[in-house]
Every structure is written in C-alpha cells, then in structure tokens.
Amino acid sequence: MLNTGTYSGGVNNVQFWENKGADGHTGCLRRGELYVDDLRDNTLVEDDGGRINANNKISSHQWSSGCSNPLT
C-alpha cells in the first residue's frame, strides 16, 4: 500500500479497521509512507490493547487527520 494523496482540508492519513463501519482493531497509513509491502509484518490494535495480524483483515477505511498505530 502507498498513500500519496492529499484529501481536501488537510486530512492526509488513511485509518483502517478490521470490520465494516470503522469498527474493531485499527491501524493507519500516513501520507508519504514509502510503502507497506507486506501486511503480515503489521498488526491492528483494539482500544483495550489487543492485537491481530493485519494480513487480510482490513474491511473499512476513512481519511483521518490523526494516525493511531501506523503501519510500516
């Protein structure tokens, strides 16, 4: 994955969630991140600190001004 875009209004990061409707474990891709080449090397986190492997787990996304749990 690669985030090269700029969303209108300066909201430049993409936040991902495990479930539809921006729910569950989460991670994000910052604008300008060179690339995320293998999601098996990344985790999505839950508010309670629980973690799951990000590979084949992303079901929804939104543009975001913040970036919690950046994927690399």
PDB file of N, CA and C in Angstrom:
ATOM      1  N   MET A   1       0.841  -1.168   0.000  1.00  0.00           N
ATOM      2  CA  MET A   1       0.000   0.000   0.000  1.00  0.00           C
ATOM      3  C   MET A   1       0.888   1.233   0.000  1.00  0.00           C
ATOM      4  N   LEU A   2       0.349   2.287  -0.574  1.00  0.00           N
ATOM      5  CA  LEU A   2       1.069   3.556  -0.649  1.00  0.00           C
ATOM      6  C   LEU A   2       0.046   4.679  -0.541  1.00  0.00           C
ATOM      7  N   ASN A   3       0.319   5.670   0.286  1.00  0.00           N
ATOM      8  CA  ASN A   3      -0.563   6.821   0.444  1.00  0.00           C
ATOM      9  C   ASN A   3       0.159   8.052  -0.083  1.00  0.00           C
ATOM     10  N   THR A   4      -0.167   8.456  -1.308  1.00  0.00           N
ATOM     11  CA  THR A   4       0.449   9.641  -1.899  1.00  0.00           C
ATOM     12  C   THR A   4      -0.525  10.806  -2.015  1.00  0.00           C
ATOM     13  N   GLY A   5      -1.765  10.596  -1.633  1.00  0.00           N
ATOM     14  CA  GLY A   5      -2.790  11.607  -1.844  1.00  0.00           C
ATOM     15  C   GLY A   5      -2.903  12.617  -0.736  1.00  0.00           C
ATOM     16  N   THR A   6      -3.582  13.691  -1.042  1.00  0.00           N
ATOM     17  CA  THR A   6      -3.948  14.704  -0.065  1.00  0.00           C
ATOM     18  C   THR A   6      -5.439  14.918  -0.187  1.00  0.00           C
ATOM     19  N   TYR A   7      -6.157  14.566   0.846  1.00  0.00           N
ATOM     20  CA  TYR A   7      -7.593  14.749   0.863  1.00  0.00           C
ATOM     21  C   TYR A   7      -7.895  16.208   1.164  1.00  0.00           C
ATOM     22  N   SER A   8      -8.914  16.727   0.574  1.00  0.00           N
ATOM     23  CA  SER A   8      -9.321  18.111   0.773  1.00  0.00           C
ATOM     24  C   SER A   8      -9.423  18.448   2.265  1.00  0.00           C
ATOM     25  N   GLY A   9      -8.894  19.562   2.659  1.00  0.00           N
ATOM     26  CA  GLY A   9      -8.966  20.014   4.042  1.00  0.00           C
ATOM     27  C   GLY A   9      -7.785  19.576   4.894  1.00  0.00           C
ATOM     28  N   GLY A  10      -6.761  19.002   4.278  1.00  0.00           N
ATOM     29  CA  GLY A  10      -5.573  18.620   5.027  1.00  0.00           C
ATOM     30  C   GLY A  10      -5.683  17.325   5.802  1.00  0.00           C
ATOM     31  N   VAL A  11      -6.697  16.526   5.519  1.00  0.00           N
ATOM     32  CA  VAL A  11      -6.861  15.231   6.167  1.00  0.00           C
ATOM     33  C   VAL A  11      -6.109  14.224   5.307  1.00  0.00           C
ATOM     34  N   ASN A  12      -4.885  13.871   5.714  1.00  0.00           N
ATOM     35  CA  ASN A  12      -3.961  13.194   4.817  1.00  0.00           C
ATOM     36  C   ASN A  12      -3.651  11.736   5.133  1.00  0.00           C
ATOM     37  N   ASN A  13      -4.081  11.226   6.268  1.00  0.00           N
ATOM     38  CA  ASN A  13      -3.797   9.853   6.652  1.00  0.00           C
ATOM     39  C   ASN A  13      -4.999   8.971   6.362  1.00  0.00           C
ATOM     40  N   VAL A  14      -4.758   7.668   6.216  1.00  0.00           N
ATOM     41  CA  VAL A  14      -5.852   6.718   5.996  1.00  0.00           C
ATOM     42  C   VAL A  14      -5.887   5.766   7.183  1.00  0.00           C
ATOM     43  N   GLN A  15      -7.001   5.772   7.909  1.00  0.00           N
ATOM     44  CA  GLN A  15      -7.188   4.880   9.052  1.00  0.00           C
ATOM     45  C   GLN A  15      -7.953   3.648   8.571  1.00  0.00           C
ATOM     46  N   PHE A  16      -7.488   2.464   8.960  1.00  0.00           N
ATOM     47  CA  PHE A  16      -8.101   1.194   8.558  1.00  0.00           C
ATOM     48  C   PHE A  16      -8.700   0.497   9.768  1.00  0.00           C
ATOM     49  N   TRP A  17      -9.766  -0.284   9.531  1.00  0.00           N
ATOM     50  CA  TRP A  17     -10.381  -1.080  10.588  1.00  0.00           C
ATOM     51  C   TRP A  17     -10.611  -2.509  10.121  1.00  0.00           C
ATOM     52  N   GLU A  18     -10.644  -3.374  11.089  1.00  0.00           N
ATOM     53  CA  GLU A  18     -10.871  -4.795  10.854  1.00  0.00           C
ATOM     54  C   GLU A  18     -12.290  -5.057  10.327  1.00  0.00           C
ATOM     55  N   ASN A  19     -13.270  -4.320  10.819  1.00  0.00           N
ATOM     56  CA  ASN A  19     -14.678  -4.559  10.462  1.00  0.00           C
ATOM     57  C   ASN A  19     -15.248  -3.418   9.633  1.00  0.00           C
ATOM     58  N   LYS A  20     -16.352  -3.692   8.985  1.00  0.00           N
ATOM     59  CA  LYS A  20     -17.075  -2.647   8.258  1.00  0.00           C
ATOM     60  C   LYS A  20     -17.550  -1.592   9.240  1.00  0.00           C
ATOM     61  N   GLY A  21     -17.697  -0.374   8.760  1.00  0.00           N
ATOM     62  CA  GLY A  21     -18.240   0.697   9.590  1.00  0.00           C
ATOM     63  C   GLY A  21     -17.250   1.258  10.594  1.00  0.00           C
ATOM     64  N   ALA A  22     -15.965   1.199  10.282  1.00  0.00           N
ATOM     65  CA  ALA A  22     -14.928   1.777  11.146  1.00  0.00           C
ATOM     66  C   ALA A  22     -15.006   1.221  12.563  1.00  0.00           C
ATOM     67  N   ASP A  23     -14.960  -0.103  12.673  1.00  0.00           N
ATOM     68  CA  ASP A  23     -15.116  -0.776  13.955  1.00  0.00           C
ATOM     69  C   ASP A  23     -14.048  -1.852  14.118  1.00  0.00           C
ATOM     70  N   GLY A  24     -13.649  -2.093  15.347  1.00  0.00           N
ATOM     71  CA  GLY A  24     -12.713  -3.174  15.649  1.00  0.00           C
ATOM     72  C   GLY A  24     -11.270  -2.706  15.694  1.00  0.00           C
ATOM     73  N   HIS A  25     -10.362  -3.652  15.531  1.00  0.00           N
ATOM     74  CA  HIS A  25      -8.928  -3.370  15.539  1.00  0.00           C
ATOM     75  C   HIS A  25      -8.602  -2.362  14.431  1.00  0.00           C
ATOM     76  N   THR A  26      -7.601  -1.510  14.668  1.00  0.00           N
ATOM     77  CA  THR A  26      -7.317  -0.424  13.731  1.00  0.00           C
ATOM     78  C   THR A  26      -5.814  -0.215  13.506  1.00  0.00           C
ATOM     79  N   GLY A  27      -5.502   0.436  12.417  1.00  0.00           N
ATOM     80  CA  GLY A  27      -4.149   0.855  12.065  1.00  0.00           C
ATOM     81  C   GLY A  27      -4.266   1.961  11.033  1.00  0.00           C
ATOM     82  N   CYS A  28      -3.167   2.615  10.714  1.00  0.00           N
ATOM     83  CA  CYS A  28      -3.265   3.692   9.728  1.00  0.00           C
ATOM     84  C   CYS A  28      -2.050   3.734   8.820  1.00  0.00           C
ATOM     85  N   LEU A  29      -2.216   4.415   7.713  1.00  0.00           N
ATOM     86  CA  LEU A  29      -1.138   4.652   6.761  1.00  0.00           C
ATOM     87  C   LEU A  29      -0.970   6.160   6.634  1.00  0.00           C
ATOM     88  N   ARG A  30       0.187   6.658   7.063  1.00  0.00           N
ATOM     89  CA  ARG A  30       0.458   8.092   6.987  1.00  0.00           C
ATOM     90  C   ARG A  30       0.699   8.520   5.549  1.00  0.00           C
ATOM     91  N   ARG A  31       0.354   9.756   5.256  1.00  0.00           N
ATOM     92  CA  ARG A  31       0.659  10.312   3.944  1.00  0.00           C
ATOM     93  C   ARG A  31       2.172  10.316   3.776  1.00  0.00           C
ATOM     94  N   GLY A  32       2.624   9.857   2.642  1.00  0.00           N
ATOM     95  CA  GLY A  32       4.048   9.847   2.360  1.00  0.00           C
ATOM     96  C   GLY A  32       4.780   8.607   2.836  1.00  0.00           C
ATOM     97  N   GLU A  33       4.084   7.678   3.520  1.00  0.00           N
ATOM     98  CA  GLU A  33       4.726   6.421   3.901  1.00  0.00           C
ATOM     99  C   GLU A  33       5.239   5.775   2.627  1.00  0.00           C
ATOM    100  N   LEU A  34       6.500   5.428   2.604  1.00  0.00           N
ATOM    101  CA  LEU A  34       7.112   4.914   1.389  1.00  0.00           C
ATOM    102  C   LEU A  34       6.301   3.753   0.823  1.00  0.00           C
ATOM    103  N   TYR A  35       6.092   2.741   1.616  1.00  0.00           N
ATOM    104  CA  TYR A  35       5.197   1.657   1.224  1.00  0.00           C
ATOM    105  C   TYR A  35       5.011   0.690   2.383  1.00  0.00           C
ATOM    106  N   VAL A  36       3.906   0.000   2.368  1.00  0.00           N
ATOM    107  CA  VAL A  36       3.658  -1.132   3.249  1.00  0.00           C
ATOM    108  C   VAL A  36       3.623  -2.324   2.314  1.00  0.00           C
ATOM    109  N   ASP A  37       4.700  -3.078   2.304  1.00  0.00           N
ATOM    110  CA  ASP A  37       4.839  -4.132   1.303  1.00  0.00           C
ATOM    111  C   ASP A  37       4.271  -5.476   1.735  1.00  0.00           C
ATOM    112  N   ASP A  38       4.102  -5.699   3.032  1.00  0.00           N
ATOM    113  CA  ASP A  38       3.636  -7.000   3.498  1.00  0.00           C
ATOM    114  C   ASP A  38       2.862  -6.818   4.794  1.00  0.00           C
ATOM    115  N   LEU A  39       1.544  -6.942   4.728  1.00  0.00           N
ATOM    116  CA  LEU A  39       0.717  -6.740   5.920  1.00  0.00           C
ATOM    117  C   LEU A  39       0.942  -7.807   6.977  1.00  0.00           C
ATOM    118  N   ARG A  40       1.585  -8.914   6.625  1.00  0.00           N
ATOM    119  CA  ARG A  40       1.887  -9.951   7.624  1.00  0.00           C
ATOM    120  C   ARG A  40       2.874  -9.440   8.658  1.00  0.00           C
ATOM    121  N   ASP A  41       3.590  -8.346   8.339  1.00  0.00           N
ATOM    122  CA  ASP A  41       4.548  -7.747   9.270  1.00  0.00           C
ATOM    123  C   ASP A  41       3.921  -6.665  10.147  1.00  0.00           C
ATOM    124  N   ASN A  42       2.608  -6.462  10.052  1.00  0.00           N
ATOM    125  CA  ASN A  42       1.932  -5.383  10.772  1.00  0.00           C
ATOM    126  C   ASN A  42       0.792  -5.934  11.610  1.00  0.00           C
ATOM    127  N   THR A  43       0.421  -5.167  12.643  1.00  0.00           N
ATOM    128  CA  THR A  43      -0.715  -5.549  13.477  1.00  0.00           C
ATOM    129  C   THR A  43      -1.723  -4.415  13.533  1.00  0.00           C
ATOM    130  N   LEU A  44      -2.971  -4.785  13.725  1.00  0.00           N
ATOM    131  CA  LEU A  44      -4.041  -3.841  14.014  1.00  0.00           C
ATOM    132  C   LEU A  44      -4.297  -3.949  15.513  1.00  0.00           C
ATOM    133  N   VAL A  45      -4.611  -2.822  16.171  1.00  0.00           N
ATOM    134  CA  VAL A  45      -4.817  -2.830  17.621  1.00  0.00           C
ATOM    135  C   VAL A  45      -6.244  -2.434  17.987  1.00  0.00           C
ATOM    136  N   GLU A  46      -6.694  -2.927  19.120  1.00  0.00           N
ATOM    137  CA  GLU A  46      -8.005  -2.616  19.687  1.00  0.00           C
ATOM    138  C   GLU A  46      -7.786  -1.596  20.805  1.00  0.00           C
ATOM    139  N   ASP A  47      -8.842  -0.883  21.180  1.00  0.00           N
ATOM    140  CA  ASP A  47      -8.734   0.102  22.260  1.00  0.00           C
ATOM    141  C   ASP A  47      -8.193  -0.506  23.554  1.00  0.00           C
ATOM    142  N   ASP A  48      -8.508  -1.770  23.812  1.00  0.00           N
ATOM    143  CA  ASP A  48      -8.055  -2.418  25.047  1.00  0.00           C
ATOM    144  C   ASP A  48      -6.620  -2.949  24.945  1.00  0.00           C
ATOM    145  N   GLY A  49      -5.965  -2.699  23.797  1.00  0.00           N
ATOM    146  CA  GLY A  49      -4.588  -3.126  23.606  1.00  0.00           C
ATOM    147  C   GLY A  49      -4.427  -4.450  22.890  1.00  0.00           C
ATOM    148  N   GLY A  50      -5.522  -5.156  22.620  1.00  0.00           N
ATOM    149  CA  GLY A  50      -5.449  -6.418  21.895  1.00  0.00           C
ATOM    150  C   GLY A  50      -4.929  -6.201  20.480  1.00  0.00           C
ATOM    151  N   ARG A  51      -4.207  -7.178  19.968  1.00  0.00           N
ATOM    152  CA  ARG A  51      -3.601  -7.067  18.638  1.00  0.00           C
ATOM    153  C   ARG A  51      -3.952  -8.268  17.781  1.00  0.00           C
ATOM    154  N   ILE A  52      -4.109  -8.019  16.462  1.00  0.00           N
ATOM    155  CA  ILE A  52      -4.264  -9.087  15.490  1.00  0.00           C
ATOM    156  C   ILE A  52      -3.367  -8.775  14.298  1.00  0.00           C
ATOM    157  N   ASN A  53      -2.961  -9.803  13.585  1.00  0.00           N
ATOM    158  CA  ASN A  53      -2.175  -9.612  12.375  1.00  0.00           C
ATOM    159  C   ASN A  53      -3.035  -8.892  11.343  1.00  0.00           C
ATOM    160  N   ALA A  54      -2.463  -7.925  10.617  1.00  0.00           N
ATOM    161  CA  ALA A  54      -3.216  -7.098   9.669  1.00  0.00           C
ATOM    162  C   ALA A  54      -3.486  -7.789   8.329  1.00  0.00           C
ATOM    163  N   ASN A  55      -2.795  -8.877   8.035  1.00  0.00           N
ATOM    164  CA  ASN A  55      -2.924  -9.526   6.729  1.00  0.00           C
ATOM    165  C   ASN A  55      -4.352 -10.023   6.492  1.00  0.00           C
ATOM    166  N   ASN A  56      -4.968  -9.574   5.401  1.00  0.00           N
ATOM    167  CA  ASN A  56      -6.335  -9.960   5.013  1.00  0.00           C
ATOM    168  C   ASN A  56      -7.383  -9.625   6.065  1.00  0.00           C
ATOM    169  N   LYS A  57      -7.170  -8.571   6.849  1.00  0.00           N
ATOM    170  CA  LYS A  57      -8.097  -8.205   7.916  1.00  0.00           C
ATOM    171  C   LYS A  57      -8.756  -6.847   7.729  1.00  0.00           C
ATOM    172  N   ILE A  58      -8.372  -6.061   6.728  1.00  0.00           N
ATOM    173  CA  ILE A  58      -8.905  -4.702   6.575  1.00  0.00           C
ATOM    174  C   ILE A  58     -10.228  -4.743   5.819  1.00  0.00           C
ATOM    175  N   SER A  59     -11.279  -4.202   6.463  1.00  0.00           N
ATOM    176  CA  SER A  59     -12.609  -4.196   5.850  1.00  0.00           C
ATOM    177  C   SER A  59     -13.171  -2.803   5.630  1.00  0.00           C
ATOM    178  N   SER A  60     -12.617  -1.787   6.294  1.00  0.00           N
ATOM    179  CA  SER A  60     -13.099  -0.423   6.074  1.00  0.00           C
ATOM    180  C   SER A  60     -11.952   0.563   6.292  1.00  0.00           C
ATOM    181  N   HIS A  61     -12.136   1.768   5.755  1.00  0.00           N
ATOM    182  CA  HIS A  61     -11.127   2.822   5.904  1.00  0.00           C
ATOM    183  C   HIS A  61     -11.789   4.186   5.833  1.00  0.00           C
ATOM    184  N   GLN A  62     -11.088   5.208   6.353  1.00  0.00           N
ATOM    185  CA  GLN A  62     -11.520   6.608   6.284  1.00  0.00           C
ATOM    186  C   GLN A  62     -10.279   7.485   6.244  1.00  0.00           C
ATOM    187  N   TRP A  63     -10.399   8.650   5.582  1.00  0.00           N
ATOM    188  CA  TRP A  63      -9.350   9.661   5.682  1.00  0.00           C
ATOM    189  C   TRP A  63      -9.348  10.173   7.110  1.00  0.00           C
ATOM    190  N   SER A  64      -8.182  10.501   7.635  1.00  0.00           N
ATOM    191  CA  SER A  64      -8.068  10.910   9.034  1.00  0.00           C
ATOM    192  C   SER A  64      -6.977  11.965   9.187  1.00  0.00           C
ATOM    193  N   SER A  65      -7.153  12.876  10.150  1.00  0.00           N
ATOM    194  CA  SER A  65      -6.092  13.842  10.428  1.00  0.00           C
ATOM    195  C   SER A  65      -5.074  13.259  11.398  1.00  0.00           C
ATOM    196  N   GLY A  66      -5.490  12.314  12.230  1.00  0.00           N
ATOM    197  CA  GLY A  66      -4.568  11.637  13.137  1.00  0.00           C
ATOM    198  C   GLY A  66      -4.101  10.326  12.539  1.00  0.00           C
ATOM    199  N   CYS A  67      -3.212   9.648  13.265  1.00  0.00           N
ATOM    200  CA  CYS A  67      -2.724   8.361  12.774  1.00  0.00           C
ATOM    201  C   CYS A  67      -2.389   7.484  13.971  1.00  0.00           C
ATOM    202  N   SER A  68      -3.357   6.674  14.396  1.00  0.00           N
ATOM    203  CA  SER A  68      -3.071   5.770  15.512  1.00  0.00           C
ATOM    204  C   SER A  68      -2.626   4.423  14.979  1.00  0.00           C
ATOM    205  N   ASN A  69      -1.587   3.879  15.559  1.00  0.00           N
ATOM    206  CA  ASN A  69      -0.990   2.611  15.171  1.00  0.00           C
ATOM    207  C   ASN A  69      -0.553   2.604  13.710  1.00  0.00           C
ATOM    208  N   PRO A  70       0.462   3.397  13.342  1.00  0.00           N
ATOM    209  CA  PRO A  70       0.902   3.459  11.954  1.00  0.00           C
ATOM    210  C   PRO A  70       1.450   2.120  11.439  1.00  0.00           C
ATOM    211  N   LEU A  71       1.019   1.732  10.240  1.00  0.00           N
ATOM    212  CA  LEU A  71       1.553   0.558   9.568  1.00  0.00           C
ATOM    213  C   LEU A  71       2.858   0.973   8.903  1.00  0.00           C
ATOM    214  N   THR A  72       3.799   0.048   8.800  1.00  0.00           N
ATOM    215  CA  THR A  72       5.091   0.365   8.188  1.00  0.00           C
ATOM    216  C   THR A  72       5.457  -0.651   7.122  1.00  0.00           C
TER     217      THR A  72
END
